[in-house]
């Protein structure tokens, strides 16, 4: 491995969840509960060792030995790959748009405020 994308680029929001505005408006409890559960996982990762995390996630990687999984988790931890919260910052949003634009996958940029609602993540983080 020459370099880690995460170390060199900053926090890239490589996992995202979306819902229609109408669904969010009609189901705020579901959205908050889902966000709280994800935040709970983020807290777990921040408060447990790579070996503990590897043991928990090992069933998701059938056929991969625990030492390899632990090594990968150790690498992620040492690179500060995982944020401590789910708040999708404007810097990360712009970084994602830069990546998509440079790859030729984005026809036009979207204003952060028009697309991102961090209220559920902010509530979950506190």
C-alpha atoms as a PDB file:
ATOM      1  CA  UNK A   1       0.000   0.000   0.000  1.00  0.00           C
ATOM      2  CA  UNK A   2       1.496   3.332  -1.060  1.00  0.00           C
ATOM      3  CA  UNK A   3      -0.889   5.686   0.730  1.00  0.00           C
ATOM      4  CA  UNK A   4      -4.240   5.754   2.401  1.00  0.00           C
ATOM      5  CA  UNK A   5      -6.899   7.761   0.650  1.00  0.00           C
ATOM      6  CA  UNK A   6      -8.356   8.724   4.004  1.00  0.00           C
ATOM      7  CA  UNK A   7      -5.051  10.013   5.346  1.00  0.00           C
ATOM      8  CA  UNK A   8      -4.332  12.016   2.227  1.00  0.00           C
ATOM      9  CA  UNK A   9      -7.763  13.413   1.451  1.00  0.00           C
ATOM     10  CA  UNK A  10      -9.614  13.977   4.716  1.00  0.00           C
ATOM     11  CA  UNK A  11     -12.934  12.448   5.752  1.00  0.00           C
ATOM     12  CA  UNK A  12     -14.587  11.136   2.623  1.00  0.00           C
ATOM     13  CA  UNK A  13     -18.268  10.365   3.234  1.00  0.00           C
ATOM     14  CA  UNK A  14     -18.192   7.014   1.477  1.00  0.00           C
ATOM     15  CA  UNK A  15     -21.351   5.791   3.159  1.00  0.00           C
ATOM     16  CA  UNK A  16     -24.507   7.842   3.069  1.00  0.00           C
ATOM     17  CA  UNK A  17     -28.188   7.317   3.644  1.00  0.00           C
ATOM     18  CA  UNK A  18     -30.951   9.216   1.978  1.00  0.00           C
ATOM     19  CA  UNK A  19     -34.704   9.471   2.241  1.00  0.00           C
ATOM     20  CA  UNK A  20     -37.376  11.515   0.546  1.00  0.00           C
ATOM     21  CA  UNK A  21     -38.287  14.742   2.305  1.00  0.00           C
ATOM     22  CA  UNK A  22     -41.836  13.454   2.617  1.00  0.00           C
ATOM     23  CA  UNK A  23     -40.680  10.266   4.378  1.00  0.00           C
ATOM     24  CA  UNK A  24     -38.513  12.243   6.782  1.00  0.00           C
ATOM     25  CA  UNK A  25     -41.380  14.625   7.529  1.00  0.00           C
ATOM     26  CA  UNK A  26     -43.821  11.764   8.144  1.00  0.00           C
ATOM     27  CA  UNK A  27     -41.397   9.526  10.091  1.00  0.00           C
ATOM     28  CA  UNK A  28     -39.007  11.646  12.163  1.00  0.00           C
ATOM     29  CA  UNK A  29     -38.923   9.019  14.924  1.00  0.00           C
ATOM     30  CA  UNK A  30     -37.768   6.321  12.522  1.00  0.00           C
ATOM     31  CA  UNK A  31     -35.069   8.608  11.126  1.00  0.00           C
ATOM     32  CA  UNK A  32     -33.860   9.540  14.618  1.00  0.00           C
ATOM     33  CA  UNK A  33     -33.873   5.924  15.833  1.00  0.00           C
ATOM     34  CA  UNK A  34     -31.895   4.794  12.783  1.00  0.00           C
ATOM     35  CA  UNK A  35     -29.406   7.634  13.261  1.00  0.00           C
ATOM     36  CA  UNK A  36     -29.098   6.881  16.990  1.00  0.00           C
ATOM     37  CA  UNK A  37     -28.324   3.225  16.224  1.00  0.00           C
ATOM     38  CA  UNK A  38     -25.609   4.197  13.760  1.00  0.00           C
ATOM     39  CA  UNK A  39     -24.148   6.640  16.289  1.00  0.00           C
ATOM     40  CA  UNK A  40     -24.109   3.869  18.894  1.00  0.00           C
ATOM     41  CA  UNK A  41     -21.932   1.860  16.499  1.00  0.00           C
ATOM     42  CA  UNK A  42     -19.615   4.833  16.036  1.00  0.00           C
ATOM     43  CA  UNK A  43     -19.245   5.157  19.804  1.00  0.00           C
ATOM     44  CA  UNK A  44     -18.495   1.421  20.053  1.00  0.00           C
ATOM     45  CA  UNK A  45     -15.719   1.709  17.484  1.00  0.00           C
ATOM     46  CA  UNK A  46     -14.212   4.692  19.291  1.00  0.00           C
ATOM     47  CA  UNK A  47     -14.275   2.950  22.678  1.00  0.00           C
ATOM     48  CA  UNK A  48     -13.075  -0.580  21.838  1.00  0.00           C
ATOM     49  CA  UNK A  49      -9.784  -2.056  20.716  1.00  0.00           C
ATOM     50  CA  UNK A  50      -9.159  -3.235  17.162  1.00  0.00           C
ATOM     51  CA  UNK A  51      -9.118  -6.831  18.435  1.00  0.00           C
ATOM     52  CA  UNK A  52     -12.540  -6.387  20.068  1.00  0.00           C
ATOM     53  CA  UNK A  53     -13.969  -4.771  16.948  1.00  0.00           C
ATOM     54  CA  UNK A  54     -12.517  -7.544  14.765  1.00  0.00           C
ATOM     55  CA  UNK A  55     -14.219 -10.200  16.895  1.00  0.00           C
ATOM     56  CA  UNK A  56     -17.583  -8.439  16.527  1.00  0.00           C
ATOM     57  CA  UNK A  57     -17.382  -7.938  12.767  1.00  0.00           C
ATOM     58  CA  UNK A  58     -15.718 -11.267  11.905  1.00  0.00           C
ATOM     59  CA  UNK A  59     -19.016 -13.013  10.999  1.00  0.00           C
ATOM     60  CA  UNK A  60     -19.438 -10.457   8.192  1.00  0.00           C
ATOM     61  CA  UNK A  61     -16.161 -11.619   6.628  1.00  0.00           C
ATOM     62  CA  UNK A  62     -16.622 -15.357   6.298  1.00  0.00           C
ATOM     63  CA  UNK A  63     -13.426 -16.995   5.135  1.00  0.00           C
ATOM     64  CA  UNK A  64     -11.146 -14.232   6.412  1.00  0.00           C
ATOM     65  CA  UNK A  65      -9.062 -15.118   9.441  1.00  0.00           C
ATOM     66  CA  UNK A  66      -9.336 -13.010  12.591  1.00  0.00           C
ATOM     67  CA  UNK A  67      -5.698 -11.870  12.401  1.00  0.00           C
ATOM     68  CA  UNK A  68      -6.278 -10.338   8.966  1.00  0.00           C
ATOM     69  CA  UNK A  69      -9.464  -8.617  10.124  1.00  0.00           C
ATOM     70  CA  UNK A  70      -7.661  -7.301  13.210  1.00  0.00           C
ATOM     71  CA  UNK A  71      -4.822  -5.945  11.056  1.00  0.00           C
ATOM     72  CA  UNK A  72      -7.276  -4.127   8.822  1.00  0.00           C
ATOM     73  CA  UNK A  73      -9.138  -2.662  11.800  1.00  0.00           C
ATOM     74  CA  UNK A  74      -5.805  -1.604  13.354  1.00  0.00           C
ATOM     75  CA  UNK A  75      -4.918   0.182  10.104  1.00  0.00           C
ATOM     76  CA  UNK A  76      -8.253   1.986  10.028  1.00  0.00           C
ATOM     77  CA  UNK A  77      -7.864   2.990  13.673  1.00  0.00           C
ATOM     78  CA  UNK A  78      -4.292   4.235  13.250  1.00  0.00           C
ATOM     79  CA  UNK A  79      -5.351   6.322  10.249  1.00  0.00           C
ATOM     80  CA  UNK A  80      -8.274   7.829  12.169  1.00  0.00           C
ATOM     81  CA  UNK A  81     -10.527   6.546   9.380  1.00  0.00           C
ATOM     82  CA  UNK A  82     -13.683   6.501  11.489  1.00  0.00           C
ATOM     83  CA  UNK A  83     -15.189   9.735  12.642  1.00  0.00           C
ATOM     84  CA  UNK A  84     -16.682   9.923  16.111  1.00  0.00           C
ATOM     85  CA  UNK A  85     -20.025  11.146  14.844  1.00  0.00           C
ATOM     86  CA  UNK A  86     -22.293  11.083  11.804  1.00  0.00           C
ATOM     87  CA  UNK A  87     -22.363  14.817  11.145  1.00  0.00           C
ATOM     88  CA  UNK A  88     -21.848  15.337   7.422  1.00  0.00           C
ATOM     89  CA  UNK A  89     -19.768  18.519   7.359  1.00  0.00           C
ATOM     90  CA  UNK A  90     -19.723  20.991   4.524  1.00  0.00           C
ATOM     91  CA  UNK A  91     -15.993  20.303   4.012  1.00  0.00           C
ATOM     92  CA  UNK A  92     -16.706  16.582   3.532  1.00  0.00           C
ATOM     93  CA  UNK A  93     -19.631  17.376   1.245  1.00  0.00           C
ATOM     94  CA  UNK A  94     -17.405  19.587  -0.914  1.00  0.00           C
ATOM     95  CA  UNK A  95     -14.660  16.945  -0.928  1.00  0.00           C
ATOM     96  CA  UNK A  96     -17.159  14.355  -2.155  1.00  0.00           C
ATOM     97  CA  UNK A  97     -18.338  16.700  -4.896  1.00  0.00           C
ATOM     98  CA  UNK A  98     -14.697  17.358  -5.884  1.00  0.00           C
ATOM     99  CA  UNK A  99     -14.069  13.614  -6.194  1.00  0.00           C
ATOM    100  CA  UNK A 100     -17.241  13.066  -8.236  1.00  0.00           C
ATOM    101  CA  UNK A 101     -16.492  16.070 -10.415  1.00  0.00           C
ATOM    102  CA  UNK A 102     -12.892  14.973 -11.091  1.00  0.00           C
ATOM    103  CA  UNK A 103     -14.182  11.504 -12.010  1.00  0.00           C
ATOM    104  CA  UNK A 104     -16.585  13.039 -14.520  1.00  0.00           C
ATOM    105  CA  UNK A 105     -19.613  11.804 -12.556  1.00  0.00           C
ATOM    106  CA  UNK A 106     -21.040  15.170 -11.501  1.00  0.00           C
ATOM    107  CA  UNK A 107     -22.697  17.500 -13.961  1.00  0.00           C
ATOM    108  CA  UNK A 108     -23.197  20.346 -11.508  1.00  0.00           C
ATOM    109  CA  UNK A 109     -22.489  21.158  -7.891  1.00  0.00           C
ATOM    110  CA  UNK A 110     -25.286  21.327  -5.325  1.00  0.00           C
ATOM    111  CA  UNK A 111     -25.313  23.764  -2.404  1.00  0.00           C
ATOM    112  CA  UNK A 112     -24.718  21.980   0.919  1.00  0.00           C
ATOM    113  CA  UNK A 113     -27.723  23.618   2.578  1.00  0.00           C
ATOM    114  CA  UNK A 114     -30.030  22.415  -0.206  1.00  0.00           C
ATOM    115  CA  UNK A 115     -29.196  18.733   0.276  1.00  0.00           C
ATOM    116  CA  UNK A 116     -27.840  18.066   3.773  1.00  0.00           C
ATOM    117  CA  UNK A 117     -29.752  17.965   7.080  1.00  0.00           C
ATOM    118  CA  UNK A 118     -27.473  17.305  10.042  1.00  0.00           C
ATOM    119  CA  UNK A 119     -30.111  17.807  12.738  1.00  0.00           C
ATOM    120  CA  UNK A 120     -30.649  14.088  13.375  1.00  0.00           C
ATOM    121  CA  UNK A 121     -26.913  13.369  13.533  1.00  0.00           C
ATOM    122  CA  UNK A 122     -26.352  16.328  15.840  1.00  0.00           C
ATOM    123  CA  UNK A 123     -29.072  15.084  18.186  1.00  0.00           C
ATOM    124  CA  UNK A 124     -27.652  11.542  18.126  1.00  0.00           C
ATOM    125  CA  UNK A 125     -24.158  12.829  18.953  1.00  0.00           C
ATOM    126  CA  UNK A 126     -25.318  14.459  22.188  1.00  0.00           C
END
